[in-house]
C-alpha atoms as a PDB file:
ATOM      1  CA  MET A   1     -23.756 -12.576  84.966  1.00  0.00           C
ATOM      2  CA  SER A   2     -20.652 -14.611  86.558  1.00  0.00           C
ATOM      3  CA  ARG A   3     -17.401 -15.563  84.100  1.00  0.00           C
ATOM      4  CA  THR A   4     -18.294 -18.632  85.056  1.00  0.00           C
ATOM      5  CA  VAL A   5     -21.987 -18.666  83.796  1.00  0.00           C
ATOM      6  CA  SER A   6     -20.654 -16.754  80.658  1.00  0.00           C
ATOM      7  CA  ARG A   7     -18.180 -19.779  80.087  1.00  0.00           C
ATOM      8  CA  LEU A   8     -21.077 -22.308  80.742  1.00  0.00           C
ATOM      9  CA  ILE A   9     -22.935 -20.629  78.177  1.00  0.00           C
ATOM     10  CA  SER A  10     -19.998 -20.618  75.790  1.00  0.00           C
ATOM     11  CA  GLY A  11     -19.629 -23.868  75.921  1.00  0.00           C
ATOM     12  CA  ILE A  12     -22.739 -24.954  75.422  1.00  0.00           C
ATOM     13  CA  THR A  13     -23.277 -23.026  72.425  1.00  0.00           C
ATOM     14  CA  VAL A  14     -19.728 -24.379  70.558  1.00  0.00           C
ATOM     15  CA  LEU A  15     -21.423 -27.920  71.696  1.00  0.00           C
ATOM     16  CA  LEU A  16     -24.753 -27.279  69.522  1.00  0.00           C
ATOM     17  CA  PHE A  17     -22.651 -25.899  66.712  1.00  0.00           C
ATOM     18  CA  LEU A  18     -20.527 -28.897  67.360  1.00  0.00           C
ATOM     19  CA  ALA A  19     -23.842 -30.872  66.911  1.00  0.00           C
ATOM     20  CA  LEU A  20     -25.314 -29.317  63.958  1.00  0.00           C
ATOM     21  CA  ALA A  21     -21.601 -29.615  62.242  1.00  0.00           C
ATOM     22  CA  TRP A  22     -21.875 -33.549  63.081  1.00  0.00           C
ATOM     23  CA  THR A  23     -25.413 -33.878  62.033  1.00  0.00           C
ATOM     24  CA  GLY A  24     -25.333 -31.233  58.909  1.00  0.00           C
ATOM     25  CA  ILE A  25     -22.305 -32.674  57.377  1.00  0.00           C
ATOM     26  CA  ARG A  26     -23.315 -36.906  58.219  1.00  0.00           C
ATOM     27  CA  GLY A  27     -26.627 -36.124  57.319  1.00  0.00           C
ATOM     28  CA  GLY A  28     -25.894 -34.347  53.784  1.00  0.00           C
ATOM     29  CA  LEU A  29     -23.288 -36.840  52.927  1.00  0.00           C
ATOM     30  CA  ASP A  30     -26.107 -39.599  53.363  1.00  0.00           C
ATOM     31  CA  GLN A  31     -28.782 -37.684  51.660  1.00  0.00           C
ATOM     32  CA  LEU A  32     -26.144 -36.856  48.803  1.00  0.00           C
ATOM     33  CA  SER A  33     -25.002 -40.504  48.424  1.00  0.00           C
ATOM     34  CA  LYS A  34     -28.852 -41.917  47.441  1.00  0.00           C
ATOM     35  CA  LEU A  35     -29.060 -42.907  44.013  1.00  0.00           C
ATOM     36  CA  ILE A  36     -32.426 -41.053  43.243  1.00  0.00           C
ATOM     37  CA  LEU A  37     -33.000 -37.338  44.109  1.00  0.00           C
ATOM     38  CA  THR A  38     -35.093 -34.952  43.231  1.00  0.00           C
ATOM     39  CA  ARG A  39     -33.513 -31.730  42.590  1.00  0.00           C
ATOM     40  CA  GLY A  40     -35.264 -30.105  45.755  1.00  0.00           C
ATOM     41  CA  GLN A  41     -34.163 -32.700  47.519  1.00  0.00           C
ATOM     42  CA  GLN A  42     -30.428 -32.149  46.107  1.00  0.00           C
ATOM     43  CA  VAL A  43     -30.531 -28.084  47.254  1.00  0.00           C
ATOM     44  CA  GLN A  44     -31.212 -29.747  50.395  1.00  0.00           C
ATOM     45  CA  SER A  45     -28.819 -31.957  50.659  1.00  0.00           C
ATOM     46  CA  VAL A  46     -26.133 -29.552  49.487  1.00  0.00           C
ATOM     47  CA  ALA A  47     -27.432 -26.393  52.342  1.00  0.00           C
ATOM     48  CA  GLN A  48     -26.985 -29.354  54.447  1.00  0.00           C
ATOM     49  CA  LEU A  49     -23.875 -30.194  54.038  1.00  0.00           C
ATOM     50  CA  ALA A  50     -22.822 -26.184  54.031  1.00  0.00           C
ATOM     51  CA  TYR A  51     -24.418 -25.605  57.149  1.00  0.00           C
ATOM     52  CA  GLY A  52     -22.146 -28.684  58.383  1.00  0.00           C
ATOM     53  CA  VAL A  53     -18.688 -27.215  57.170  1.00  0.00           C
ATOM     54  CA  LEU A  54     -20.109 -23.612  58.070  1.00  0.00           C
ATOM     55  CA  SER A  55     -20.889 -25.206  61.398  1.00  0.00           C
ATOM     56  CA  LEU A  56     -17.162 -26.125  62.119  1.00  0.00           C
ATOM     57  CA  PHE A  57     -15.871 -23.027  60.019  1.00  0.00           C
ATOM     58  CA  SER A  58     -17.780 -20.310  62.380  1.00  0.00           C
ATOM     59  CA  LEU A  59     -15.724 -21.772  65.562  1.00  0.00           C
ATOM     60  CA  VAL A  60     -12.533 -21.680  63.818  1.00  0.00           C
ATOM     61  CA  VAL A  61     -13.137 -17.881  62.712  1.00  0.00           C
ATOM     62  CA  TRP A  62     -14.939 -16.705  66.038  1.00  0.00           C
ATOM     63  CA  PHE A  63     -11.446 -18.346  68.018  1.00  0.00           C
ATOM     64  CA  TRP A  64      -9.077 -17.469  65.749  1.00  0.00           C
ATOM     65  CA  ALA A  65      -9.760 -14.950  63.043  1.00  0.00           C
ATOM     66  CA  ARG A  66     -12.798 -13.156  64.629  1.00  0.00           C
ATOM     67  CA  ARG A  67     -12.827 -10.679  61.942  1.00  0.00           C
ATOM     68  CA  TRP A  68     -14.340 -12.722  59.359  1.00  0.00           C
ATOM     69  CA  SER A  69     -17.074 -13.862  61.572  1.00  0.00           C
ATOM     70  CA  ARG A  70     -19.897 -11.761  60.481  1.00  0.00           C
ATOM     71  CA  PRO A  71     -19.684 -13.443  56.987  1.00  0.00           C
ATOM     72  CA  VAL A  72     -19.085 -16.581  58.311  1.00  0.00           C
ATOM     73  CA  PHE A  73     -22.287 -16.349  60.733  1.00  0.00           C
ATOM     74  CA  ILE A  74     -24.149 -15.066  57.705  1.00  0.00           C
ATOM     75  CA  GLY A  75     -23.787 -17.871  55.226  1.00  0.00           C
ATOM     76  CA  TRP A  76     -24.095 -20.570  57.862  1.00  0.00           C
ATOM     77  CA  ALA A  77     -27.669 -18.991  59.418  1.00  0.00           C
ATOM     78  CA  ALA A  78     -28.640 -18.705  55.501  1.00  0.00           C
ATOM     79  CA  SER A  79     -27.501 -22.785  55.163  1.00  0.00           C
ATOM     80  CA  LEU A  80     -29.054 -23.568  58.005  1.00  0.00           C
ATOM     81  CA  ALA A  81     -32.366 -21.719  57.086  1.00  0.00           C
ATOM     82  CA  LEU A  82     -32.316 -22.638  53.400  1.00  0.00           C
ATOM     83  CA  ALA A  83     -32.164 -26.478  55.060  1.00  0.00           C
ATOM     84  CA  GLY A  84     -34.637 -26.343  57.844  1.00  0.00           C
ATOM     85  CA  GLY A  85     -37.024 -24.798  55.115  1.00  0.00           C
ATOM     86  CA  LEU A  86     -36.680 -27.042  52.225  1.00  0.00           C
ATOM     87  CA  ALA A  87     -36.040 -30.577  54.231  1.00  0.00           C
ATOM     88  CA  ALA A  88     -39.866 -30.155  55.184  1.00  0.00           C
ATOM     89  CA  VAL A  89     -40.665 -29.588  51.636  1.00  0.00           C
ATOM     90  CA  VAL A  90     -38.946 -31.514  49.899  1.00  0.00           C
ATOM     91  CA  TRP A  91     -38.317 -34.658  51.995  1.00  0.00           C
ATOM     92  CA  GLY A  92     -41.902 -34.571  53.649  1.00  0.00           C
ATOM     93  CA  VAL A  93     -45.113 -33.740  52.329  1.00  0.00           C
ATOM     94  CA  SER A  94     -45.822 -30.520  53.984  1.00  0.00           C
ATOM     95  CA  SER A  95     -46.743 -27.247  52.619  1.00  0.00           C
ATOM     96  CA  VAL A  96     -44.530 -24.266  51.450  1.00  0.00           C
ATOM     97  CA  GLY A  97     -46.016 -22.396  54.610  1.00  0.00           C
ATOM     98  CA  VAL A  98     -45.027 -24.834  56.556  1.00  0.00           C
ATOM     99  CA  GLY A  99     -41.200 -25.245  55.087  1.00  0.00           C
ATOM    100  CA  LEU A 100     -41.234 -21.267  55.101  1.00  0.00           C
ATOM    101  CA  LEU A 101     -42.072 -21.144  58.587  1.00  0.00           C
ATOM    102  CA  SER A 102     -39.152 -23.948  59.807  1.00  0.00           C
ATOM    103  CA  GLY A 103     -36.718 -21.861  57.118  1.00  0.00           C
ATOM    104  CA  VAL A 104     -37.492 -18.503  59.475  1.00  0.00           C
ATOM    105  CA  ALA A 105     -37.344 -20.908  62.858  1.00  0.00           C
ATOM    106  CA  SER A 106     -34.029 -22.243  61.537  1.00  0.00           C
ATOM    107  CA  PHE A 107     -32.834 -18.433  61.004  1.00  0.00           C
ATOM    108  CA  LEU A 108     -34.522 -17.389  64.470  1.00  0.00           C
ATOM    109  CA  ILE A 109     -32.387 -20.249  65.976  1.00  0.00           C
ATOM    110  CA  ALA A 110     -29.716 -19.464  64.395  1.00  0.00           C
ATOM    111  CA  GLY A 111     -29.318 -15.907  65.071  1.00  0.00           C
ATOM    112  CA  VAL A 112     -30.028 -17.060  69.128  1.00  0.00           C
ATOM    113  CA  MET A 113     -26.551 -19.293  69.147  1.00  0.00           C
ATOM    114  CA  VAL A 114     -24.889 -16.501  67.211  1.00  0.00           C
ATOM    115  CA  TRP A 115     -25.860 -13.641  70.149  1.00  0.00           C
ATOM    116  CA  LEU A 116     -25.327 -16.494  72.881  1.00  0.00           C
ATOM    117  CA  LEU A 117     -21.527 -17.176  71.657  1.00  0.00           C
ATOM    118  CA  ARG A 118     -20.703 -13.028  71.288  1.00  0.00           C
ATOM    119  CA  PHE A 119     -22.696 -12.195  74.946  1.00  0.00           C
ATOM    120  CA  SER A 120     -20.848 -15.371  76.359  1.00  0.00           C
ATOM    121  CA  ALA A 121     -17.751 -13.887  74.746  1.00  0.00           C
ATOM    122  CA  ARG A 122     -18.090 -10.762  76.403  1.00  0.00           C
ATOM    123  CA  ARG A 123     -19.179 -11.448  79.624  1.00  0.00           C
ATOM    124  CA  ALA A 124     -16.465 -13.709  80.305  1.00  0.00           C
ATOM    125  CA  ALA A 125     -13.876 -11.051  79.221  1.00  0.00           C
END
């Protein structure tokens, strides 16, 4: 794989992290500002806010403090999975099974994003 393709993959992955930061922070704050929330909706909103903040923090540690990237990526992926899994159940009318499937899918997507960032950085070096 050429350096150009590696840099392109890295750039796209960074944009995905930034998009998740925007949707996580904006959506989490919007949801938490609602007057009536169930306990599940509160937990999901906090998890959404957490993955938004951790999306930004993930990029910061990846580029400037790489030795801290593993625990930050794990926290980010866990908060993304929790928010994704709970959203279907507490905001919609989906079953717990659909929520579990959504959480697992969210976690797998997070894993792919982390892998792409690490893979493209190794290839570009």
